[in-house]
C-alpha atoms as a PDB file:
ATOM      1  CA  MET A   1     107.209 136.582  82.276  1.00  0.00           C
ATOM      2  CA  THR A   2     110.621 136.742  81.794  1.00  0.00           C
ATOM      3  CA  SER A   3     112.233 136.429  78.442  1.00  0.00           C
ATOM      4  CA  ARG A   4     115.096 134.068  78.023  1.00  0.00           C
ATOM      5  CA  ARG A   5     118.118 133.697  75.505  1.00  0.00           C
ATOM      6  CA  TYR A   6     118.330 130.007  76.117  1.00  0.00           C
ATOM      7  CA  PHE A   7     115.864 126.814  75.626  1.00  0.00           C
ATOM      8  CA  ARG A   8     117.231 124.385  78.532  1.00  0.00           C
ATOM      9  CA  ILE A   9     119.208 125.299  81.923  1.00  0.00           C
ATOM     10  CA  GLY A  10     122.545 124.025  80.405  1.00  0.00           C
ATOM     11  CA  ASP A  11     121.853 126.570  77.603  1.00  0.00           C
ATOM     12  CA  GLN A  12     122.643 129.201  79.609  1.00  0.00           C
ATOM     13  CA  PRO A  13     125.895 131.553  79.288  1.00  0.00           C
ATOM     14  CA  LYS A  14     128.598 130.608  81.955  1.00  0.00           C
ATOM     15  CA  GLY A  15     129.057 134.156  83.016  1.00  0.00           C
ATOM     16  CA  ARG A  16     127.016 136.993  82.601  1.00  0.00           C
ATOM     17  CA  GLY A  17     129.878 139.342  81.135  1.00  0.00           C
ATOM     18  CA  ASP A  18     131.281 136.278  79.215  1.00  0.00           C
ATOM     19  CA  GLN A  19     130.525 137.952  75.354  1.00  0.00           C
ATOM     20  CA  SER A  20     133.659 135.647  73.800  1.00  0.00           C
ATOM     21  CA  PRO A  21     132.688 133.424  70.541  1.00  0.00           C
ATOM     22  CA  PRO A  22     132.171 129.921  71.411  1.00  0.00           C
ATOM     23  CA  GLU A  23     135.153 127.793  69.940  1.00  0.00           C
ATOM     24  CA  GLY A  24     134.809 125.918  66.559  1.00  0.00           C
ATOM     25  CA  LEU A  25     132.739 122.480  66.328  1.00  0.00           C
ATOM     26  CA  ASP A  26     134.862 120.070  65.135  1.00  0.00           C
ATOM     27  CA  ILE A  27     132.778 118.928  61.599  1.00  0.00           C
ATOM     28  CA  ALA A  28     135.332 116.503  60.787  1.00  0.00           C
ATOM     29  CA  PRO A  29     133.369 113.481  62.096  1.00  0.00           C
ATOM     30  CA  LEU A  30     130.445 114.115  59.343  1.00  0.00           C
ATOM     31  CA  VAL A  31     133.068 114.648  56.413  1.00  0.00           C
ATOM     32  CA  GLY A  32     133.342 112.169  53.719  1.00  0.00           C
ATOM     33  CA  THR A  33     131.479 110.112  51.364  1.00  0.00           C
ATOM     34  CA  TRP A  34     128.548 108.381  52.763  1.00  0.00           C
ATOM     35  CA  VAL A  35     127.142 105.013  50.928  1.00  0.00           C
ATOM     36  CA  ASN A  36     123.713 103.964  51.299  1.00  0.00           C
ATOM     37  CA  THR A  37     123.430 100.575  53.442  1.00  0.00           C
ATOM     38  CA  LYS A  38     120.544  99.529  51.057  1.00  0.00           C
ATOM     39  CA  LYS A  39     122.198  97.963  47.998  1.00  0.00           C
ATOM     40  CA  ASP A  40     118.815  98.254  46.004  1.00  0.00           C
ATOM     41  CA  THR A  41     117.526 101.358  46.991  1.00  0.00           C
ATOM     42  CA  GLY A  42     115.453 103.939  45.123  1.00  0.00           C
ATOM     43  CA  GLY A  43     116.511 106.890  47.311  1.00  0.00           C
ATOM     44  CA  PHE A  44     119.876 108.302  47.986  1.00  0.00           C
ATOM     45  CA  VAL A  45     122.818 105.908  46.875  1.00  0.00           C
ATOM     46  CA  ARG A  46     125.584 108.451  47.708  1.00  0.00           C
ATOM     47  CA  LEU A  47     126.035 111.474  49.946  1.00  0.00           C
ATOM     48  CA  ALA A  48     129.472 113.506  49.592  1.00  0.00           C
ATOM     49  CA  ILE A  49     129.906 115.430  52.735  1.00  0.00           C
ATOM     50  CA  ALA A  50     132.687 118.437  52.188  1.00  0.00           C
ATOM     51  CA  GLU A  51     134.510 121.213  54.756  1.00  0.00           C
ATOM     52  CA  ARG A  52     135.289 124.026  52.894  1.00  0.00           C
ATOM     53  CA  GLU A  53     136.712 127.354  55.171  1.00  0.00           C
ATOM     54  CA  GLY A  54     135.137 125.889  58.219  1.00  0.00           C
ATOM     55  CA  ARG A  55     131.940 125.360  56.450  1.00  0.00           C
ATOM     56  CA  LEU A  56     130.059 122.441  55.661  1.00  0.00           C
ATOM     57  CA  PHE A  57     128.438 121.342  52.157  1.00  0.00           C
ATOM     58  CA  LEU A  58     126.202 118.308  51.366  1.00  0.00           C
ATOM     59  CA  ARG A  59     126.068 116.759  48.039  1.00  0.00           C
ATOM     60  CA  ALA A  60     122.900 114.063  47.375  1.00  0.00           C
ATOM     61  CA  PHE A  61     123.499 111.382  44.336  1.00  0.00           C
ATOM     62  CA  ALA A  62     119.616 109.792  43.645  1.00  0.00           C
ATOM     63  CA  ALA A  63     118.978 106.714  42.161  1.00  0.00           C
ATOM     64  CA  ASP A  64     118.491 106.658  38.575  1.00  0.00           C
ATOM     65  CA  THR A  65     119.747 104.842  35.256  1.00  0.00           C
ATOM     66  CA  PRO A  66     122.129 104.798  33.729  1.00  0.00           C
ATOM     67  CA  GLU A  67     123.818 107.198  35.726  1.00  0.00           C
ATOM     68  CA  LEU A  68     123.277 108.781  39.141  1.00  0.00           C
ATOM     69  CA  CYS A  69     121.121 111.469  39.649  1.00  0.00           C
ATOM     70  CA  ASP A  70     123.437 114.769  41.152  1.00  0.00           C
ATOM     71  CA  TRP A  71     120.945 116.808  43.442  1.00  0.00           C
ATOM     72  CA  GLY A  72     123.558 119.438  43.455  1.00  0.00           C
ATOM     73  CA  GLU A  73     125.521 120.846  46.551  1.00  0.00           C
ATOM     74  CA  VAL A  74     123.673 122.668  49.196  1.00  0.00           C
ATOM     75  CA  GLU A  75     125.535 124.027  52.432  1.00  0.00           C
ATOM     76  CA  ALA A  76     124.613 122.432  55.736  1.00  0.00           C
ATOM     77  CA  PHE A  77     124.726 123.210  59.356  1.00  0.00           C
ATOM     78  CA  ALA A  78     126.440 120.795  61.903  1.00  0.00           C
ATOM     79  CA  TYR A  79     125.263 120.229  65.476  1.00  0.00           C
ATOM     80  CA  ALA A  80     126.802 118.762  68.686  1.00  0.00           C
ATOM     81  CA  ASN A  81     124.938 116.707  71.495  1.00  0.00           C
ATOM     82  CA  ASN A  82     125.102 119.782  73.633  1.00  0.00           C
ATOM     83  CA  VAL A  83     125.935 123.046  74.381  1.00  0.00           C
ATOM     84  CA  ALA A  84     129.731 121.748  76.184  1.00  0.00           C
ATOM     85  CA  SER A  85     130.333 119.737  73.469  1.00  0.00           C
ATOM     86  CA  HIS A  86     132.607 120.426  70.440  1.00  0.00           C
ATOM     87  CA  LYS A  87     132.178 117.652  68.378  1.00  0.00           C
ATOM     88  CA  ALA A  88     129.662 117.426  65.454  1.00  0.00           C
ATOM     89  CA  VAL A  89     127.222 114.658  65.438  1.00  0.00           C
ATOM     90  CA  ALA A  90     124.330 116.024  63.046  1.00  0.00           C
ATOM     91  CA  LEU A  91     123.743 117.988  60.498  1.00  0.00           C
ATOM     92  CA  SER A  92     120.893 119.674  58.864  1.00  0.00           C
ATOM     93  CA  ALA A  93     120.065 121.265  55.263  1.00  0.00           C
ATOM     94  CA  PHE A  94     117.734 122.585  52.887  1.00  0.00           C
ATOM     95  CA  LEU A  95     117.224 122.174  49.064  1.00  0.00           C
ATOM     96  CA  ASP A  96     114.874 123.810  46.884  1.00  0.00           C
ATOM     97  CA  ALA A  97     114.566 121.062  43.749  1.00  0.00           C
ATOM     98  CA  GLY A  98     112.171 123.641  42.046  1.00  0.00           C
ATOM     99  CA  PHE A  99     109.317 121.348  41.899  1.00  0.00           C
ATOM    100  CA  ALA A 100     109.813 120.380  45.526  1.00  0.00           C
ATOM    101  CA  GLU A 101     111.467 121.199  48.996  1.00  0.00           C
ATOM    102  CA  VAL A 102     113.741 118.466  50.658  1.00  0.00           C
ATOM    103  CA  ALA A 103     114.923 119.394  54.694  1.00  0.00           C
ATOM    104  CA  PHE A 104     117.558 117.125  55.343  1.00  0.00           C
ATOM    105  CA  GLN A 105     118.521 116.059  59.034  1.00  0.00           C
ATOM    106  CA  GLY A 106     121.245 113.719  59.975  1.00  0.00           C
ATOM    107  CA  ASN A 107     123.225 112.170  62.700  1.00  0.00           C
ATOM    108  CA  LEU A 108     125.897 109.594  63.447  1.00  0.00           C
ATOM    109  CA  ASN A 109     124.381 106.780  65.095  1.00  0.00           C
ATOM    110  CA  LEU A 110     127.034 103.253  66.024  1.00  0.00           C
ATOM    111  CA  GLY A 111     129.213 104.804  62.825  1.00  0.00           C
ATOM    112  CA  LEU A 112     126.107 105.297  60.395  1.00  0.00           C
ATOM    113  CA  LEU A 113     125.239 108.269  59.224  1.00  0.00           C
ATOM    114  CA  VAL A 114     121.041 108.334  59.813  1.00  0.00           C
ATOM    115  CA  LEU A 115     119.426 110.392  57.227  1.00  0.00           C
ATOM    116  CA  VAL A 116     116.009 111.138  57.117  1.00  0.00           C
ATOM    117  CA  THR A 117     114.378 113.588  54.617  1.00  0.00           C
ATOM    118  CA  PHE A 118     111.432 115.652  54.986  1.00  0.00           C
ATOM    119  CA  ASN A 119     109.824 115.849  50.768  1.00  0.00           C
ATOM    120  CA  ARG A 120     107.393 118.206  50.117  1.00  0.00           C
ATOM    121  CA  PHE A 121     105.461 118.683  46.552  1.00  0.00           C
ATOM    122  CA  LYS A 122     105.080 122.646  45.670  1.00  0.00           C
ATOM    123  CA  HIS A 123     102.718 122.443  43.001  1.00  0.00           C
ATOM    124  CA  ASP A 124     101.439 118.655  42.706  1.00  0.00           C
ATOM    125  CA  GLY A 125      97.949 117.375  43.993  1.00  0.00           C
ATOM    126  CA  GLU A 126      98.887 113.943  43.035  1.00  0.00           C
ATOM    127  CA  ARG A 127     101.444 113.185  45.778  1.00  0.00           C
ATOM    128  CA  ALA A 128     101.608 113.129  49.077  1.00  0.00           C
ATOM    129  CA  ASN A 129     104.557 114.842  50.932  1.00  0.00           C
ATOM    130  CA  TYR A 130     106.395 112.096  52.550  1.00  0.00           C
ATOM    131  CA  ILE A 131     109.094 111.467  55.197  1.00  0.00           C
ATOM    132  CA  ASN A 132     112.167 108.868  54.327  1.00  0.00           C
ATOM    133  CA  ARG A 133     114.571 107.287  56.280  1.00  0.00           C
ATOM    134  CA  GLU A 134     118.195 106.227  55.421  1.00  0.00           C
ATOM    135  CA  PHE A 135     121.442 104.322  56.433  1.00  0.00           C
ATOM    136  CA  PHE A 136     124.692 105.370  55.053  1.00  0.00           C
ATOM    137  CA  TYR A 137     128.341 104.000  55.697  1.00  0.00           C
ATOM    138  CA  ARG A 138     131.369 106.101  55.446  1.00  0.00           C
ATOM    139  CA  LEU A 139     133.711 104.595  52.461  1.00  0.00           C
ATOM    140  CA  LYS A 140     137.169 103.782  54.210  1.00  0.00           C
ATOM    141  CA  SER A 141     138.670 106.145  51.697  1.00  0.00           C
ATOM    142  CA  SER A 142     137.104 108.948  53.388  1.00  0.00           C
ATOM    143  CA  PRO A 143     138.351 111.017  56.161  1.00  0.00           C
ATOM    144  CA  ALA A 144     138.274 108.970  59.634  1.00  0.00           C
ATOM    145  CA  GLY A 145     136.555 112.266  61.167  1.00  0.00           C
ATOM    146  CA  ALA A 146     137.554 111.085  64.529  1.00  0.00           C
END
């Protein structure tokens, strides 16, 4: 059995001796303030995705009263559609909230950010771990990204 350094045939390096680092990924399509399309959501109301020094950060704001609940900021990781692309179309992040762990996965689709969260409660046998999917649009005052 041979050992591989790629998952799919298209993931192979272009040349055997080419060790140059890949060009940067354009994360601008993800950057901005994103608002849930469902006005009466009980989940995340708003997402703030920012770029600082080439790194991506996600801040999530959940429904609460009288003000939104700021879940804090975590580093996010951007992904392209394939190894040849340099435009970000998806992101992932992980948040340890103490009582629960939340894995964020989002992708751009038809101008919306589709966010899926995998929510795992750490010490609670009464609540089931669950998945949630929400749709967000970018505020017009946010960077265009494309």
